[in-house]
């Protein structure tokens, strides 16, 4: 386990997560404001195996973790901590069934605490401006707007946020 919150466990991905990972990554609504595209089950398996393999790399700077609901031990999403140039970027995705239940705010709060305790100085996050729910989460956590630009892949206005820890 990487860390836990009141309702969530954050842990490394496992091959046993494949069916739920596929449900997450195969939903156009989940990917609406994210880079990436709907892929086949086989393509998702390859992606999951690649993410798992990264855990063993000494110079890994692309950490994607499983978000698990403590109540029923179900995989409900992913939490990212990745290098973006000199910055450390956070991100998350949830299976659509778990939207609107406060899990995004809870997972991000836990990640901020985790990062601060490990000596991170600053975190960034990118949010497409149409993604009102994610914007609200970052604002509640005191992230500040750094800049805005059109996301080249999505062709939508995207805002870069930062927080000093």
Protein backbone atom coordinates (compact mmCIF):
# COMPACT_ATOMS: atom_id res chain seq x y z
CA UNK A 1 0.00 0.00 0.00
CA UNK A 2 1.22 3.49 -0.83
CA UNK A 3 -1.17 5.34 1.50
CA UNK A 4 -4.76 5.27 2.67
CA UNK A 5 -7.50 7.76 3.43
CA UNK A 6 -10.74 7.34 5.32
CA UNK A 7 -12.45 5.46 2.48
CA UNK A 8 -9.66 4.64 0.03
CA UNK A 9 -6.54 2.52 -0.32
CA UNK A 10 -3.89 3.65 -2.78
CA UNK A 11 -1.68 0.78 -3.94
CA UNK A 12 0.33 -0.41 -6.89
CA UNK A 13 -1.60 -1.77 -9.84
CA UNK A 14 -1.90 -5.56 -10.23
CA UNK A 15 -2.86 -7.73 -13.17
CA UNK A 16 -5.99 -8.67 -11.20
CA UNK A 17 -7.15 -5.07 -11.77
CA UNK A 18 -7.44 -5.68 -15.53
CA UNK A 19 -11.23 -5.93 -15.89
CA UNK A 20 -11.82 -2.79 -13.81
CA UNK A 21 -8.89 -1.00 -15.47
CA UNK A 22 -10.47 -1.80 -18.83
CA UNK A 23 -13.84 -0.47 -17.62
CA UNK A 24 -12.11 2.77 -16.62
CA UNK A 25 -9.98 3.16 -19.74
CA UNK A 26 -12.69 2.08 -22.17
CA UNK A 27 -15.26 4.70 -21.16
CA UNK A 28 -15.41 7.72 -23.50
CA UNK A 29 -16.89 9.82 -20.67
CA UNK A 30 -13.83 9.12 -18.49
CA UNK A 31 -11.51 10.02 -21.36
CA UNK A 32 -13.50 13.08 -22.47
CA UNK A 33 -11.10 15.53 -20.80
CA UNK A 34 -7.98 13.36 -20.79
CA UNK A 35 -5.31 12.48 -23.26
CA UNK A 36 -5.81 8.96 -24.53
CA UNK A 37 -8.36 7.04 -26.46
CA UNK A 38 -10.63 4.06 -25.98
CA UNK A 39 -8.64 0.86 -26.52
CA UNK A 40 -9.41 -2.82 -26.82
CA UNK A 41 -9.20 -5.22 -23.88
CA UNK A 42 -5.90 -6.58 -25.25
CA UNK A 43 -4.46 -3.05 -25.62
CA UNK A 44 -5.51 -2.23 -22.05
CA UNK A 45 -3.81 -5.40 -20.81
CA UNK A 46 -0.57 -4.34 -22.50
CA UNK A 47 -0.87 -0.85 -21.00
CA UNK A 48 -1.54 -2.23 -17.53
CA UNK A 49 1.44 -4.61 -17.77
CA UNK A 50 3.65 -1.70 -18.88
CA UNK A 51 2.50 0.42 -15.92
CA UNK A 52 3.19 -2.47 -13.54
CA UNK A 53 6.64 -3.02 -15.05
CA UNK A 54 7.55 0.63 -14.39
CA UNK A 55 7.46 -0.02 -10.63
CA UNK A 56 10.70 -2.00 -10.99
CA UNK A 57 12.62 0.73 -12.85
CA UNK A 58 15.11 2.61 -10.69
CA UNK A 59 14.64 5.82 -12.68
CA UNK A 60 10.86 5.59 -12.96
CA UNK A 61 9.18 8.99 -13.00
CA UNK A 62 5.72 7.80 -14.10
CA UNK A 63 3.78 6.33 -11.18
CA UNK A 64 0.19 5.24 -11.72
CA UNK A 65 -1.51 3.69 -8.70
CA UNK A 66 -4.79 1.88 -8.12
CA UNK A 67 -7.50 3.58 -6.07
CA UNK A 68 -9.44 0.97 -4.11
CA UNK A 69 -12.66 1.45 -2.15
CA UNK A 70 -12.00 0.20 1.40
CA UNK A 71 -15.60 -0.89 1.89
CA UNK A 72 -15.73 -3.55 -0.82
CA UNK A 73 -12.05 -3.67 -1.92
CA UNK A 74 -13.06 -2.75 -5.48
CA UNK A 75 -10.72 -0.97 -7.88
CA UNK A 76 -12.44 2.34 -8.63
CA UNK A 77 -9.80 4.40 -10.40
CA UNK A 78 -6.20 5.45 -10.86
CA UNK A 79 -4.04 8.10 -9.24
CA UNK A 80 -1.00 9.49 -11.07
CA UNK A 81 2.21 11.10 -9.89
CA UNK A 82 4.40 11.79 -12.92
CA UNK A 83 7.31 14.00 -13.88
CA UNK A 84 6.39 16.83 -16.25
CA UNK A 85 9.71 18.47 -17.06
CA UNK A 86 11.00 19.70 -13.71
CA UNK A 87 7.54 19.58 -12.14
CA UNK A 88 5.67 16.78 -10.41
CA UNK A 89 2.18 16.40 -11.85
CA UNK A 90 -0.80 14.73 -10.24
CA UNK A 91 -3.86 13.29 -11.94
CA UNK A 92 -6.67 10.86 -11.37
CA UNK A 93 -9.44 8.96 -13.11
CA UNK A 94 -12.45 7.18 -11.67
CA UNK A 95 -14.81 4.60 -13.07
CA UNK A 96 -17.95 6.58 -13.90
CA UNK A 97 -20.05 4.69 -11.33
CA UNK A 98 -17.95 6.39 -8.61
CA UNK A 99 -18.24 9.99 -9.80
CA UNK A 100 -19.85 12.57 -7.53
CA UNK A 101 -19.08 10.76 -4.27
CA UNK A 102 -16.14 12.86 -3.09
CA UNK A 103 -13.50 10.26 -3.95
CA UNK A 104 -11.52 12.65 -6.17
CA UNK A 105 -11.13 15.23 -3.41
CA UNK A 106 -10.28 12.53 -0.87
CA UNK A 107 -7.67 10.87 -3.10
CA UNK A 108 -6.04 14.21 -3.96
CA UNK A 109 -5.94 15.30 -0.30
CA UNK A 110 -4.22 12.03 0.54
CA UNK A 111 -1.75 12.47 -2.31
CA UNK A 112 -0.87 16.01 -1.19
CA UNK A 113 -0.17 14.74 2.33
CA UNK A 114 1.87 11.83 0.94
CA UNK A 115 3.95 14.13 -1.29
CA UNK A 116 4.53 16.73 1.41
CA UNK A 117 5.81 14.05 3.79
CA UNK A 118 8.26 12.91 1.12
CA UNK A 119 9.75 16.34 0.59
CA UNK A 120 8.00 17.44 -2.58
CA UNK A 121 8.02 21.25 -2.79
CA UNK A 122 5.39 21.85 -5.47
CA UNK A 123 2.79 19.91 -7.45
CA UNK A 124 1.03 20.78 -10.66
CA UNK A 125 -2.17 19.58 -12.30
CA UNK A 126 -3.73 20.21 -15.70
CA UNK A 127 -7.50 20.47 -16.05
CA UNK A 128 -9.58 21.12 -19.14
CA UNK A 129 -11.70 24.15 -18.27
CA UNK A 130 -14.94 22.32 -19.15
CA UNK A 131 -14.15 19.76 -16.42
CA UNK A 132 -15.89 21.72 -13.67
CA UNK A 133 -15.70 18.92 -11.06
CA UNK A 134 -11.91 18.65 -11.30
CA UNK A 135 -11.49 22.43 -11.23
CA UNK A 136 -13.53 22.55 -7.99
CA UNK A 137 -11.35 19.86 -6.41
CA UNK A 138 -8.14 21.77 -7.15
CA UNK A 139 -9.63 25.03 -5.91
CA UNK A 140 -10.78 23.39 -2.66
CA UNK A 141 -7.21 22.13 -2.17
CA UNK A 142 -5.80 25.66 -2.70
CA UNK A 143 -4.15 25.03 -6.05
CA UNK A 144 -3.52 28.32 -7.87
CA UNK A 145 -3.81 29.00 -11.59
CA UNK A 146 -0.43 29.23 -13.28
CA UNK A 147 -1.37 29.44 -16.97
CA UNK A 148 -3.88 28.44 -19.64
CA UNK A 149 -3.49 27.17 -23.18
CA UNK A 150 -5.25 25.04 -25.76
CA UNK A 151 -4.56 21.34 -25.24
CA UNK A 152 -3.23 20.26 -28.64
CA UNK A 153 -4.64 16.72 -28.43
CA UNK A 154 -8.10 17.67 -27.20
CA UNK A 155 -8.37 21.12 -28.81
CA UNK A 156 -9.87 22.45 -25.58
CA UNK A 157 -8.77 25.21 -23.21
CA UNK A 158 -6.74 23.70 -20.38
CA UNK A 159 -5.49 25.37 -17.19
CA UNK A 160 -2.28 24.52 -15.40
CA UNK A 161 -2.60 24.69 -11.61
CA UNK A 162 0.09 24.54 -8.95
CA UNK A 163 0.36 24.23 -5.21
CA UNK A 164 3.35 24.93 -3.02
CA UNK A 165 3.59 22.30 -0.28
